[in-house]
Amino acid sequence: MQKQPAVYILTNKSNHVLYVGVTSDLIKRIYEHKNHVMEGFSAKYNVTKLVYFELCDEMETAITREKVLKGWKRSKKISLIEKENETWQDLYEDLI
């Protein structure tokens, strides 16, 4: 997979915490989350499981979409995830 803007949702092992992020390199960024390369929310709450992502043509579009998703209630985010990934499997392995 080439570098491409993306918005994504991560969760923890128990699927209780949701993290919405944006990146220009999805594989690299999820690797960083999984290996706690940076401190912050995702490292603190161990959100390392990629359960949803959208690829975008432009970074501006990805950032706008991230803001929209961050504004949604948890229930709406869950519906979005389950529409594409009913079993909440980690999608990262499919990317690499």
N, C-alpha and C. Protein backbone atom coordinates (compact mmCIF):
# COMPACT_ATOMS: atom_id res chain seq x y z
N MET A 1 0.84 -1.18 0.00
CA MET A 1 0.00 0.00 0.00
C MET A 1 0.89 1.24 0.00
N GLN A 2 0.65 2.13 -0.93
CA GLN A 2 1.40 3.38 -1.00
C GLN A 2 0.89 4.35 0.05
N LYS A 3 1.68 5.38 0.29
CA LYS A 3 1.21 6.45 1.16
C LYS A 3 -0.06 7.03 0.57
N GLN A 4 -1.06 7.17 1.42
CA GLN A 4 -2.33 7.74 0.98
C GLN A 4 -3.04 8.26 2.22
N PRO A 5 -3.61 9.45 2.15
CA PRO A 5 -4.35 9.96 3.30
C PRO A 5 -5.45 9.00 3.73
N ALA A 6 -5.62 8.88 5.03
CA ALA A 6 -6.64 7.98 5.57
C ALA A 6 -7.12 8.47 6.93
N VAL A 7 -8.35 8.15 7.23
CA VAL A 7 -8.90 8.33 8.57
C VAL A 7 -9.16 6.93 9.10
N TYR A 8 -8.95 6.74 10.40
CA TYR A 8 -9.04 5.39 10.95
C TYR A 8 -9.60 5.40 12.36
N ILE A 9 -10.08 4.24 12.78
CA ILE A 9 -10.56 4.05 14.15
C ILE A 9 -9.83 2.86 14.75
N LEU A 10 -9.26 3.08 15.91
CA LEU A 10 -8.61 2.03 16.69
C LEU A 10 -9.42 1.78 17.95
N THR A 11 -9.25 0.59 18.49
CA THR A 11 -9.84 0.26 19.78
C THR A 11 -8.84 -0.55 20.58
N ASN A 12 -9.22 -0.85 21.82
CA ASN A 12 -8.37 -1.68 22.67
C ASN A 12 -8.85 -3.12 22.62
N LYS A 13 -8.20 -3.99 23.36
CA LYS A 13 -8.51 -5.43 23.31
C LYS A 13 -9.97 -5.72 23.63
N SER A 14 -10.54 -4.98 24.57
CA SER A 14 -11.93 -5.23 24.99
C SER A 14 -12.95 -4.42 24.19
N ASN A 15 -12.49 -3.65 23.22
CA ASN A 15 -13.36 -2.82 22.36
C ASN A 15 -14.10 -1.72 23.12
N HIS A 16 -13.58 -1.30 24.26
CA HIS A 16 -14.27 -0.27 25.05
C HIS A 16 -13.83 1.14 24.73
N VAL A 17 -12.63 1.31 24.21
CA VAL A 17 -12.11 2.64 23.92
C VAL A 17 -12.01 2.80 22.41
N LEU A 18 -12.48 3.94 21.91
CA LEU A 18 -12.38 4.23 20.49
C LEU A 18 -11.49 5.45 20.28
N TYR A 19 -10.62 5.36 19.30
CA TYR A 19 -9.70 6.44 18.96
C TYR A 19 -9.83 6.70 17.47
N VAL A 20 -10.10 7.94 17.11
CA VAL A 20 -10.19 8.33 15.70
C VAL A 20 -8.95 9.13 15.36
N GLY A 21 -8.29 8.76 14.26
CA GLY A 21 -7.09 9.46 13.84
C GLY A 21 -7.04 9.66 12.34
N VAL A 22 -6.04 10.43 11.92
CA VAL A 22 -5.83 10.71 10.50
C VAL A 22 -4.33 10.58 10.23
N THR A 23 -3.98 10.15 9.03
CA THR A 23 -2.58 9.95 8.68
C THR A 23 -2.40 10.01 7.17
N SER A 24 -1.16 10.20 6.76
CA SER A 24 -0.83 10.12 5.33
C SER A 24 -0.24 8.77 4.98
N ASP A 25 0.05 7.94 6.02
CA ASP A 25 0.67 6.63 5.81
C ASP A 25 0.07 5.66 6.84
N LEU A 26 -1.00 5.00 6.46
CA LEU A 26 -1.77 4.18 7.40
C LEU A 26 -0.94 3.05 8.00
N ILE A 27 -0.21 2.32 7.19
CA ILE A 27 0.56 1.19 7.71
C ILE A 27 1.58 1.66 8.74
N LYS A 28 2.31 2.70 8.41
CA LYS A 28 3.31 3.22 9.34
C LYS A 28 2.67 3.71 10.63
N ARG A 29 1.56 4.44 10.51
CA ARG A 29 0.93 5.02 11.69
C ARG A 29 0.36 3.94 12.60
N ILE A 30 -0.25 2.90 12.06
CA ILE A 30 -0.79 1.83 12.90
C ILE A 30 0.35 1.07 13.56
N TYR A 31 1.43 0.87 12.85
CA TYR A 31 2.63 0.26 13.45
C TYR A 31 3.07 1.06 14.67
N GLU A 32 3.08 2.38 14.53
CA GLU A 32 3.48 3.25 15.64
C GLU A 32 2.53 3.10 16.83
N HIS A 33 1.25 3.01 16.57
CA HIS A 33 0.27 2.80 17.65
C HIS A 33 0.53 1.45 18.33
N LYS A 34 0.70 0.42 17.53
CA LYS A 34 0.87 -0.93 18.08
C LYS A 34 2.15 -1.06 18.92
N ASN A 35 3.15 -0.28 18.58
CA ASN A 35 4.43 -0.37 19.27
C ASN A 35 4.67 0.79 20.23
N HIS A 36 3.64 1.56 20.49
CA HIS A 36 3.69 2.68 21.44
C HIS A 36 4.89 3.58 21.20
N VAL A 37 5.11 3.91 19.93
CA VAL A 37 6.23 4.75 19.54
C VAL A 37 6.09 6.16 20.13
N MET A 38 4.86 6.64 20.22
CA MET A 38 4.61 7.97 20.77
C MET A 38 3.73 7.87 22.02
N GLU A 39 3.98 8.76 22.93
CA GLU A 39 3.14 8.83 24.12
C GLU A 39 1.84 9.53 23.76
N GLY A 40 0.82 9.28 24.55
CA GLY A 40 -0.44 9.96 24.33
C GLY A 40 -1.61 9.04 24.62
N PHE A 41 -2.77 9.46 24.14
CA PHE A 41 -4.02 8.75 24.40
C PHE A 41 -3.95 7.29 23.99
N SER A 42 -3.49 7.03 22.78
CA SER A 42 -3.50 5.65 22.28
C SER A 42 -2.58 4.75 23.08
N ALA A 43 -1.43 5.26 23.50
CA ALA A 43 -0.52 4.46 24.33
C ALA A 43 -1.11 4.27 25.73
N LYS A 44 -1.67 5.33 26.28
CA LYS A 44 -2.23 5.27 27.63
C LYS A 44 -3.35 4.24 27.73
N TYR A 45 -4.21 4.20 26.73
CA TYR A 45 -5.37 3.31 26.75
C TYR A 45 -5.17 2.05 25.91
N ASN A 46 -3.96 1.84 25.41
CA ASN A 46 -3.59 0.65 24.65
C ASN A 46 -4.53 0.38 23.48
N VAL A 47 -4.83 1.43 22.74
CA VAL A 47 -5.67 1.26 21.54
C VAL A 47 -4.76 0.91 20.37
N THR A 48 -4.73 -0.35 20.04
CA THR A 48 -3.81 -0.86 19.03
C THR A 48 -4.50 -1.67 17.93
N LYS A 49 -5.79 -1.85 18.04
CA LYS A 49 -6.51 -2.70 17.08
C LYS A 49 -7.23 -1.82 16.05
N LEU A 50 -6.82 -1.94 14.79
CA LEU A 50 -7.44 -1.19 13.70
C LEU A 50 -8.76 -1.87 13.32
N VAL A 51 -9.87 -1.18 13.56
CA VAL A 51 -11.17 -1.78 13.28
C VAL A 51 -11.91 -1.11 12.12
N TYR A 52 -11.40 0.05 11.68
CA TYR A 52 -12.06 0.76 10.59
C TYR A 52 -11.08 1.75 9.97
N PHE A 53 -11.16 1.90 8.65
CA PHE A 53 -10.40 2.96 8.00
C PHE A 53 -11.06 3.34 6.68
N GLU A 54 -10.81 4.56 6.28
CA GLU A 54 -11.25 5.08 4.98
C GLU A 54 -10.05 5.72 4.31
N LEU A 55 -9.81 5.37 3.08
CA LEU A 55 -8.76 6.02 2.30
C LEU A 55 -9.36 7.24 1.60
N CYS A 56 -8.58 8.30 1.51
CA CYS A 56 -9.04 9.54 0.91
C CYS A 56 -8.07 9.98 -0.18
N ASP A 57 -8.56 10.77 -1.12
CA ASP A 57 -7.72 11.26 -2.20
C ASP A 57 -6.79 12.39 -1.74
N GLU A 58 -7.27 13.21 -0.83
CA GLU A 58 -6.53 14.38 -0.37
C GLU A 58 -6.47 14.40 1.15
N MET A 59 -5.37 14.93 1.70
CA MET A 59 -5.23 15.03 3.14
C MET A 59 -6.32 15.92 3.74
N GLU A 60 -6.67 16.97 3.05
CA GLU A 60 -7.71 17.88 3.53
C GLU A 60 -9.03 17.13 3.72
N THR A 61 -9.35 16.24 2.80
CA THR A 61 -10.57 15.44 2.90
C THR A 61 -10.50 14.51 4.11
N ALA A 62 -9.35 13.90 4.33
CA ALA A 62 -9.17 13.00 5.48
C ALA A 62 -9.31 13.76 6.79
N ILE A 63 -8.74 14.94 6.88
CA ILE A 63 -8.83 15.76 8.10
C ILE A 63 -10.27 16.17 8.36
N THR A 64 -10.97 16.56 7.31
CA THR A 64 -12.38 16.93 7.46
C THR A 64 -13.20 15.74 7.95
N ARG A 65 -12.95 14.58 7.36
CA ARG A 65 -13.68 13.37 7.77
C ARG A 65 -13.36 12.99 9.21
N GLU A 66 -12.10 13.13 9.61
CA GLU A 66 -11.71 12.85 10.99
C GLU A 66 -12.50 13.73 11.96
N LYS A 67 -12.63 15.00 11.65
CA LYS A 67 -13.37 15.92 12.50
C LYS A 67 -14.83 15.52 12.60
N VAL A 68 -15.40 15.08 11.48
CA VAL A 68 -16.79 14.61 11.49
C VAL A 68 -16.93 13.40 12.40
N LEU A 69 -16.08 12.41 12.23
CA LEU A 69 -16.16 11.18 13.03
C LEU A 69 -15.94 11.47 14.51
N LYS A 70 -15.01 12.35 14.83
CA LYS A 70 -14.75 12.69 16.23
C LYS A 70 -15.97 13.35 16.87
N GLY A 71 -16.79 14.01 16.07
CA GLY A 71 -17.99 14.66 16.57
C GLY A 71 -19.17 13.72 16.79
N TRP A 72 -19.06 12.53 16.27
CA TRP A 72 -20.16 11.56 16.40
C TRP A 72 -20.21 10.97 17.80
N LYS A 73 -21.41 10.58 18.20
CA LYS A 73 -21.58 9.82 19.44
C LYS A 73 -20.99 8.43 19.26
N ARG A 74 -20.63 7.83 20.35
CA ARG A 74 -20.04 6.48 20.34
C ARG A 74 -20.91 5.49 19.57
N SER A 75 -22.21 5.54 19.78
CA SER A 75 -23.12 4.59 19.13
C SER A 75 -23.06 4.68 17.61
N LYS A 76 -22.90 5.88 17.10
CA LYS A 76 -22.82 6.05 15.64
C LYS A 76 -21.50 5.52 15.11
N LYS A 77 -20.41 5.71 15.87
CA LYS A 77 -19.11 5.16 15.48
C LYS A 77 -19.17 3.64 15.47
N ILE A 78 -19.81 3.05 16.46
CA ILE A 78 -19.95 1.60 16.53
C ILE A 78 -20.73 1.08 15.32
N SER A 79 -21.79 1.76 14.96
CA SER A 79 -22.57 1.35 13.78
C SER A 79 -21.73 1.39 12.52
N LEU A 80 -20.90 2.42 12.38
CA LEU A 80 -20.01 2.54 11.22
C LEU A 80 -19.02 1.38 11.18
N ILE A 81 -18.42 1.09 12.32
CA ILE A 81 -17.46 -0.02 12.40
C ILE A 81 -18.14 -1.34 12.03
N GLU A 82 -19.28 -1.60 12.65
CA GLU A 82 -19.95 -2.89 12.46
C GLU A 82 -20.53 -3.07 11.06
N LYS A 83 -20.79 -1.97 10.38
CA LYS A 83 -21.26 -2.06 8.99
C LYS A 83 -20.18 -2.67 8.10
N GLU A 84 -18.91 -2.34 8.37
CA GLU A 84 -17.79 -2.81 7.56
C GLU A 84 -17.03 -3.97 8.20
N ASN A 85 -17.08 -4.07 9.53
CA ASN A 85 -16.25 -5.03 10.27
C ASN A 85 -17.05 -5.58 11.45
N GLU A 86 -18.02 -6.39 11.14
CA GLU A 86 -18.98 -6.89 12.13
C GLU A 86 -18.33 -7.56 13.34
N THR A 87 -17.25 -8.25 13.12
CA THR A 87 -16.60 -9.00 14.21
C THR A 87 -15.49 -8.22 14.91
N TRP A 88 -15.28 -6.98 14.52
CA TRP A 88 -14.26 -6.12 15.12
C TRP A 88 -12.87 -6.75 15.02
N GLN A 89 -12.57 -7.42 13.93
CA GLN A 89 -11.24 -8.01 13.77
C GLN A 89 -10.23 -6.90 13.50
N ASP A 90 -8.99 -7.16 13.81
CA ASP A 90 -7.89 -6.22 13.56
C ASP A 90 -7.57 -6.26 12.06
N LEU A 91 -7.76 -5.14 11.39
CA LEU A 91 -7.58 -5.06 9.95
C LEU A 91 -6.13 -4.81 9.54
N TYR A 92 -5.28 -4.57 10.50
CA TYR A 92 -3.88 -4.22 10.20
C TYR A 92 -3.17 -5.32 9.41
N GLU A 93 -3.35 -6.55 9.83
CA GLU A 93 -2.66 -7.68 9.16
C GLU A 93 -3.02 -7.76 7.68
N ASP A 94 -4.24 -7.36 7.34
CA ASP A 94 -4.66 -7.39 5.95
C ASP A 94 -3.98 -6.30 5.11
N LEU A 95 -3.48 -5.27 5.78
CA LEU A 95 -2.82 -4.16 5.08
C LEU A 95 -1.37 -4.44 4.73
N ILE A 96 -0.71 -5.22 5.61
CA ILE A 96 0.73 -5.42 5.40
C ILE A 96 1.03 -6.64 4.55
